Amino acid sequence: MNIKKVLIIEGVVNLLLMMIKLGVGFTTYSTAILADALHSLTDMANNIVAWFAVNQSEQPPDEDHQYGHKKFVPLAIFFLATLLSVVAIEVIVQAASRFGEPVLNSSIGLGAMLIVLVLNTGLTLWESFWAKKLNSTLLQADASHTLSDVLTSITVIIGWQLAARGYYWLDTVFAIAVAFIIMFLAYKLFVQSIPILVDKSLLNQAKIARTVTEIPEVKSVKLVRTRNDGEANFADITIKVDLNLSLATSHELADKIEGLLKTQFNIVDTTVHIEPALDEDKQTQD
């Protein structure tokens, strides 16, 4: 089993869930259930986008993407968050337009929605298992999304049953509740993806500088910059060393720093720029 196979299986299950919800929603005229079906549609769209993102991220660096393609995964997560935001707004608009309209009950529909709830719960547990086993942040994010589907289905079933007993306005209220659940999920995905896409530093740069200055040959650390591509950390660091340090020793020092940062901070690629400390001393004296 790999990430792409998990996404394919999940996509098929989400297609089945969407069809069941649409059938129940159109039969009972429940806006909340139709909103939940639309949510399942975004789940399926997410599976498709995520599959292509994972497939692209696995490609090796090329002339146009010399740092690799790993950022296609957070880009896919950002796309999903945007899609969910649009869906949430659409659900609110549709729910408001159908305020107070009659909602029908259906024992068959209730049974179908309970099956949906069981399938969603099983899908969440199954995907969480593979997310941990494959160490995939994308699958973990998607598993959290599927967990929200479970909570949404519970909310929808309760709202539908109450509305079908004559409290028609509750169908609109619960549909809007679904929209806010979707919005909250979108917010969490934005928080997860945007820092990576804009190269926000996710490591403690001061701690990195202190760690490097513990090496005897390093006089001081002038600059530390870090970024993350969604899976790995990268760093650029500028250090000051003695003017008389040989080229061979400087090269060994750079290798030592790269190994140290990889071990302690999981930085897989470090660019070390070495400058003579004497220049800084002269400027200070002047």
Foldseek 3Di string as FASTA:
>chain_A
DAPLVLLVVVLVLLVVLLVLLVVLCVVFVQLLSPLLSVLSVLLNVLSVQQNVLVVQQPDAADPVRNVGRLLSNLVSLLVSLVVLLVSLVVSLVVLVVCAPPATADDPVSLVSLVVSLVSLVVSLVVLCVVCVVNVPPSSVLSSVSSVLSNVSSVLQSVQRVVRNVPVVNSSSVSSNVNSVSSNVSSVVSCVLRVCQVVFPDPDDQVVLQVVLPVPPQFPGWDDWGWGDSRPAIEIETETEGAPPDDPVNVVVSVVVSQVVCCVPPVHNYYHYHYDYCVVVVVVVVD
